[in-house]
Amino acid sequence: MIKTLTNILKQDKEAMFLEYSELLNALDSGITTKITINNRRLNRTDFEKQILIDMKDDGLNEYREEYNEVLME
């Protein structure tokens, strides 16, 4: 049981690393990028209040919505 759990955890770590690598490779090397890694469990409501961007009446809400969707994935 412990060996199986260890293998599962290793596979999860490898999958996260591969996804992170894929993200980094997708970024243009000519731009400045800020990546925040949140390594703790969050309540969904708290996350939405603290992290997501609020909508405004300035014609840029489509970008805010797209950014918020990415964060929620």
N, C-alpha and C. Protein backbone atom coordinates (compact mmCIF):
# COMPACT_ATOMS: atom_id res chain seq x y z
N MET A 1 0.82 -1.19 0.00
CA MET A 1 0.00 0.00 0.00
C MET A 1 0.87 1.26 0.00
N ILE A 2 1.87 1.32 0.87
CA ILE A 2 2.73 2.50 0.95
C ILE A 2 3.51 2.68 -0.35
N LYS A 3 4.00 1.58 -0.92
CA LYS A 3 4.74 1.67 -2.17
C LYS A 3 3.84 2.19 -3.29
N THR A 4 2.59 1.74 -3.33
CA THR A 4 1.64 2.21 -4.34
C THR A 4 1.36 3.69 -4.15
N LEU A 5 1.17 4.11 -2.92
CA LEU A 5 0.92 5.53 -2.64
C LEU A 5 2.12 6.38 -3.04
N THR A 6 3.30 5.90 -2.76
CA THR A 6 4.52 6.60 -3.15
C THR A 6 4.60 6.76 -4.65
N ASN A 7 4.27 5.70 -5.39
CA ASN A 7 4.28 5.76 -6.85
C ASN A 7 3.25 6.75 -7.38
N ILE A 8 2.08 6.79 -6.75
CA ILE A 8 1.03 7.72 -7.18
C ILE A 8 1.50 9.15 -6.94
N LEU A 9 2.07 9.40 -5.78
CA LEU A 9 2.56 10.75 -5.48
C LEU A 9 3.65 11.16 -6.45
N LYS A 10 4.54 10.23 -6.79
CA LYS A 10 5.61 10.51 -7.75
C LYS A 10 5.02 10.84 -9.11
N GLN A 11 4.01 10.08 -9.53
CA GLN A 11 3.36 10.33 -10.82
C GLN A 11 2.68 11.70 -10.83
N ASP A 12 2.04 12.06 -9.71
CA ASP A 12 1.40 13.37 -9.60
C ASP A 12 2.43 14.48 -9.73
N LYS A 13 3.56 14.32 -9.06
CA LYS A 13 4.62 15.33 -9.12
C LYS A 13 5.17 15.45 -10.53
N GLU A 14 5.36 14.32 -11.18
CA GLU A 14 5.87 14.34 -12.55
C GLU A 14 4.87 15.02 -13.48
N ALA A 15 3.58 14.75 -13.30
CA ALA A 15 2.55 15.36 -14.13
C ALA A 15 2.52 16.88 -13.92
N MET A 16 2.63 17.31 -12.67
CA MET A 16 2.65 18.75 -12.38
C MET A 16 3.88 19.41 -13.00
N PHE A 17 5.02 18.74 -12.91
CA PHE A 17 6.25 19.28 -13.49
C PHE A 17 6.12 19.41 -15.01
N LEU A 18 5.55 18.40 -15.65
CA LEU A 18 5.39 18.45 -17.11
C LEU A 18 4.43 19.56 -17.52
N GLU A 19 3.35 19.75 -16.76
CA GLU A 19 2.41 20.83 -17.05
C GLU A 19 3.08 22.19 -16.86
N TYR A 20 3.87 22.32 -15.81
CA TYR A 20 4.58 23.57 -15.55
C TYR A 20 5.59 23.84 -16.66
N SER A 21 6.30 22.82 -17.09
CA SER A 21 7.26 22.96 -18.19
C SER A 21 6.57 23.41 -19.47
N GLU A 22 5.40 22.83 -19.71
CA GLU A 22 4.62 23.18 -20.89
C GLU A 22 4.22 24.66 -20.83
N LEU A 23 3.82 25.11 -19.67
CA LEU A 23 3.46 26.52 -19.49
C LEU A 23 4.66 27.42 -19.77
N LEU A 24 5.80 27.10 -19.19
CA LEU A 24 6.99 27.92 -19.40
C LEU A 24 7.41 27.95 -20.87
N ASN A 25 7.32 26.83 -21.54
CA ASN A 25 7.71 26.77 -22.95
C ASN A 25 6.74 27.54 -23.85
N ALA A 26 5.51 27.75 -23.38
CA ALA A 26 4.52 28.47 -24.17
C ALA A 26 4.73 29.98 -24.10
N LEU A 27 5.50 30.45 -23.12
CA LEU A 27 5.71 31.88 -22.95
C LEU A 27 6.78 32.40 -23.90
N ASP A 28 6.56 33.57 -24.43
CA ASP A 28 7.52 34.22 -25.32
C ASP A 28 8.73 34.67 -24.50
N SER A 29 9.91 34.35 -24.96
CA SER A 29 11.13 34.70 -24.21
C SER A 29 11.41 36.20 -24.22
N GLY A 30 10.72 36.94 -25.06
CA GLY A 30 10.95 38.37 -25.15
C GLY A 30 10.05 39.21 -24.26
N ILE A 31 9.23 38.56 -23.45
CA ILE A 31 8.32 39.31 -22.58
C ILE A 31 8.63 39.03 -21.12
N THR A 32 8.22 39.94 -20.27
CA THR A 32 8.36 39.74 -18.84
C THR A 32 7.10 39.06 -18.33
N THR A 33 7.26 38.01 -17.57
CA THR A 33 6.13 37.23 -17.07
C THR A 33 6.26 37.05 -15.58
N LYS A 34 5.15 37.17 -14.88
CA LYS A 34 5.11 36.91 -13.45
C LYS A 34 4.27 35.65 -13.23
N ILE A 35 4.85 34.69 -12.55
CA ILE A 35 4.15 33.44 -12.25
C ILE A 35 4.04 33.32 -10.74
N THR A 36 2.83 33.11 -10.27
CA THR A 36 2.59 32.91 -8.85
C THR A 36 2.18 31.47 -8.63
N ILE A 37 2.88 30.79 -7.75
CA ILE A 37 2.54 29.41 -7.42
C ILE A 37 1.94 29.42 -6.02
N ASN A 38 0.70 29.02 -5.94
CA ASN A 38 0.02 28.96 -4.66
C ASN A 38 -0.01 27.51 -4.23
N ASN A 39 0.74 27.20 -3.21
CA ASN A 39 0.93 25.81 -2.80
C ASN A 39 0.17 25.50 -1.51
N ARG A 40 -1.08 25.92 -1.47
CA ARG A 40 -1.92 25.62 -0.32
C ARG A 40 -3.36 25.53 -0.77
N ARG A 41 -4.15 24.87 0.02
CA ARG A 41 -5.56 24.72 -0.33
C ARG A 41 -6.29 26.03 -0.04
N LEU A 42 -7.18 26.39 -0.95
CA LEU A 42 -7.96 27.60 -0.78
C LEU A 42 -9.44 27.30 -0.88
N ASN A 43 -10.20 28.02 -0.12
CA ASN A 43 -11.64 27.99 -0.27
C ASN A 43 -11.96 28.72 -1.58
N ARG A 44 -12.80 28.16 -2.40
CA ARG A 44 -13.10 28.74 -3.72
C ARG A 44 -13.61 30.18 -3.59
N THR A 45 -14.48 30.44 -2.64
CA THR A 45 -15.02 31.78 -2.46
C THR A 45 -13.92 32.76 -2.08
N ASP A 46 -13.04 32.36 -1.16
CA ASP A 46 -11.92 33.21 -0.76
C ASP A 46 -11.00 33.48 -1.95
N PHE A 47 -10.74 32.44 -2.73
CA PHE A 47 -9.89 32.58 -3.92
C PHE A 47 -10.47 33.62 -4.87
N GLU A 48 -11.77 33.49 -5.13
CA GLU A 48 -12.42 34.42 -6.06
C GLU A 48 -12.35 35.86 -5.55
N LYS A 49 -12.52 36.04 -4.25
CA LYS A 49 -12.48 37.39 -3.67
C LYS A 49 -11.07 37.97 -3.68
N GLN A 50 -10.06 37.15 -3.40
CA GLN A 50 -8.70 37.64 -3.21
C GLN A 50 -7.88 37.70 -4.50
N ILE A 51 -8.12 36.80 -5.43
CA ILE A 51 -7.24 36.66 -6.59
C ILE A 51 -7.84 37.18 -7.89
N LEU A 52 -9.12 36.91 -8.12
CA LEU A 52 -9.71 37.28 -9.40
C LEU A 52 -9.83 38.79 -9.56
N ILE A 53 -9.78 39.25 -10.79
CA ILE A 53 -9.85 40.68 -11.08
C ILE A 53 -11.31 41.09 -11.20
N ASP A 54 -11.66 42.17 -10.53
CA ASP A 54 -13.03 42.70 -10.58
C ASP A 54 -13.29 43.35 -11.93
N MET A 55 -14.54 43.29 -12.37
CA MET A 55 -14.93 43.91 -13.63
C MET A 55 -15.10 45.42 -13.41
N LYS A 56 -14.82 46.19 -14.47
CA LYS A 56 -14.96 47.65 -14.45
C LYS A 56 -15.63 48.10 -15.74
N ASP A 57 -16.10 49.32 -15.77
CA ASP A 57 -16.71 49.88 -16.98
C ASP A 57 -15.67 50.66 -17.78
N ASP A 58 -14.68 49.95 -18.32
CA ASP A 58 -13.63 50.62 -19.09
C ASP A 58 -13.36 49.94 -20.43
N GLY A 59 -14.24 49.01 -20.81
CA GLY A 59 -14.08 48.33 -22.10
C GLY A 59 -13.06 47.20 -22.11
N LEU A 60 -12.49 46.84 -20.95
CA LEU A 60 -11.46 45.80 -20.89
C LEU A 60 -11.93 44.53 -20.18
N ASN A 61 -13.23 44.43 -19.91
CA ASN A 61 -13.74 43.28 -19.17
C ASN A 61 -13.52 41.95 -19.89
N GLU A 62 -13.49 41.96 -21.22
CA GLU A 62 -13.27 40.69 -21.92
C GLU A 62 -11.90 40.10 -21.56
N TYR A 63 -10.92 40.97 -21.34
CA TYR A 63 -9.59 40.50 -20.96
C TYR A 63 -9.57 40.03 -19.51
N ARG A 64 -10.29 40.74 -18.66
CA ARG A 64 -10.39 40.32 -17.26
C ARG A 64 -11.08 38.96 -17.16
N GLU A 65 -12.15 38.79 -17.93
CA GLU A 65 -12.87 37.52 -17.92
C GLU A 65 -11.97 36.37 -18.37
N GLU A 66 -11.22 36.60 -19.44
CA GLU A 66 -10.32 35.56 -19.94
C GLU A 66 -9.25 35.22 -18.90
N TYR A 67 -8.67 36.25 -18.29
CA TYR A 67 -7.64 36.05 -17.26
C TYR A 67 -8.24 35.27 -16.08
N ASN A 68 -9.40 35.66 -15.64
CA ASN A 68 -10.05 34.97 -14.52
C ASN A 68 -10.38 33.52 -14.87
N GLU A 69 -10.78 33.27 -16.09
CA GLU A 69 -11.06 31.89 -16.52
C GLU A 69 -9.80 31.03 -16.44
N VAL A 70 -8.69 31.59 -16.88
CA VAL A 70 -7.41 30.86 -16.82
C VAL A 70 -7.08 30.53 -15.37
N LEU A 71 -7.25 31.49 -14.48
CA LEU A 71 -6.96 31.25 -13.06
C LEU A 71 -7.86 30.18 -12.45
N MET A 72 -9.09 30.10 -12.93
CA MET A 72 -10.04 29.15 -12.36
C MET A 72 -9.84 27.73 -12.87
N GLU A 73 -9.07 27.55 -13.93
CA GLU A 73 -8.85 26.20 -14.47
C GLU A 73 -8.03 25.33 -13.58
